[in-house]
Structures are given as C-alpha cells and as structure tokens.
C-alpha cells in the first residue's frame, strides 16, 4: 500500500451523475474517485461494499500512474 495515498471511507451515490464517488488523500490533496454505474443507489452501494478492496487498489494504481481525467478525478471501471 502506498503510504502517500489514503483512501477515505466516504462512499456516496451521486444521483445527478449516477455514479459512486469516494475520495483519496494524495500528498495532502483530496481526489475524487468515480465509478459510473447503471445500478440503483442501493445496489451500487452494496456492490461497492462487496468489492471495496478491489476498487481501492484500482484507485491507488491509477493515482500512482497519474491517470487523472480532465476534471482531475480518477475514473474507475465498474467490476
């Protein structure tokens, strides 16, 4: 685990964007990690809980690779 990346336990579903969002602290900066989904809010949150470790690893890898979107977010692939 990268010690400069801390994954926050703040997952939420954004109704407007229809995605899951959690944040990571990267060298003191807050970075949004986004998972687009077609699942309902309840299904999406349950899915995230079941695969949380995998999503956190995916986020860490993309942050390490500096794979930020134009909006400065990390876009994750739904598992």
Protein backbone atom coordinates (compact mmCIF):
# COMPACT_ATOMS: atom_id res chain seq x y z
CA UNK A 1 0.00 0.00 0.00
CA UNK A 2 1.27 3.42 -0.95
CA UNK A 3 1.73 5.45 2.24
CA UNK A 4 1.18 8.75 0.39
CA UNK A 5 -2.33 7.66 -0.66
CA UNK A 6 -5.05 7.38 1.96
CA UNK A 7 -8.46 6.13 0.88
CA UNK A 8 -11.30 7.79 2.79
CA UNK A 9 -14.37 5.91 3.98
CA UNK A 10 -16.81 8.39 2.43
CA UNK A 11 -18.50 6.47 -0.39
CA UNK A 12 -21.72 8.02 -1.65
CA UNK A 13 -24.01 7.78 -4.65
CA UNK A 14 -24.39 10.91 -6.77
CA UNK A 15 -27.96 10.94 -8.10
CA UNK A 16 -27.23 13.60 -10.70
CA UNK A 17 -24.26 11.82 -12.26
CA UNK A 18 -25.49 8.29 -11.48
CA UNK A 19 -22.17 7.22 -10.08
CA UNK A 20 -20.42 6.23 -6.89
CA UNK A 21 -17.84 8.63 -5.52
CA UNK A 22 -15.24 8.23 -2.80
CA UNK A 23 -12.17 10.31 -2.07
CA UNK A 24 -8.49 9.70 -1.56
CA UNK A 25 -5.89 11.93 0.07
CA UNK A 26 -2.86 12.17 -2.19
CA UNK A 27 0.04 14.12 -0.72
CA UNK A 28 -2.41 16.38 1.09
CA UNK A 29 -4.80 16.85 -1.85
CA UNK A 30 -8.32 15.45 -1.96
CA UNK A 31 -9.00 13.45 -5.15
CA UNK A 32 -12.43 12.16 -6.17
CA UNK A 33 -12.62 8.57 -7.40
CA UNK A 34 -15.66 7.96 -9.60
CA UNK A 35 -17.38 4.72 -10.62
CA UNK A 36 -20.10 5.14 -13.24
CA UNK A 37 -22.91 2.63 -12.78
CA UNK A 38 -26.32 1.65 -14.11
CA UNK A 39 -27.25 0.07 -10.77
CA UNK A 40 -29.74 1.64 -8.38
CA UNK A 41 -28.35 3.55 -5.41
CA UNK A 42 -28.90 0.63 -3.02
CA UNK A 43 -27.48 -1.94 -5.45
CA UNK A 44 -24.48 0.25 -6.24
CA UNK A 45 -23.59 0.80 -2.58
CA UNK A 46 -23.94 -2.93 -1.83
CA UNK A 47 -21.79 -3.74 -4.87
CA UNK A 48 -19.11 -1.30 -3.70
CA UNK A 49 -19.10 -2.78 -0.21
CA UNK A 50 -18.59 -6.27 -1.66
CA UNK A 51 -15.70 -5.08 -3.86
CA UNK A 52 -14.30 -2.19 -1.83
CA UNK A 53 -10.75 -3.54 -1.60
CA UNK A 54 -10.59 -4.08 -5.38
CA UNK A 55 -11.82 -0.54 -6.06
CA UNK A 56 -9.32 0.92 -3.61
CA UNK A 57 -6.48 -1.00 -5.29
CA UNK A 58 -7.68 0.19 -8.72
CA UNK A 59 -7.74 3.79 -7.44
CA UNK A 60 -4.25 3.53 -5.94
CA UNK A 61 -2.86 2.15 -9.19
CA UNK A 62 -4.40 4.91 -11.30
CA UNK A 63 -3.25 7.58 -8.85
CA UNK A 64 0.29 6.15 -8.97
CA UNK A 65 0.09 6.32 -12.78
CA UNK A 66 -1.31 9.87 -12.56
CA UNK A 67 -4.26 8.80 -14.73
CA UNK A 68 -6.46 11.77 -13.86
CA UNK A 69 -9.40 12.82 -16.03
CA UNK A 70 -9.71 16.34 -17.43
CA UNK A 71 -11.78 17.14 -14.31
CA UNK A 72 -8.94 15.98 -12.03
CA UNK A 73 -10.79 12.82 -10.99
CA UNK A 74 -9.85 9.17 -11.06
CA UNK A 75 -12.34 7.25 -13.21
CA UNK A 76 -12.65 3.63 -12.15
CA UNK A 77 -14.03 0.71 -14.14
CA UNK A 78 -17.06 -0.97 -12.58
CA UNK A 79 -16.24 -4.58 -11.66
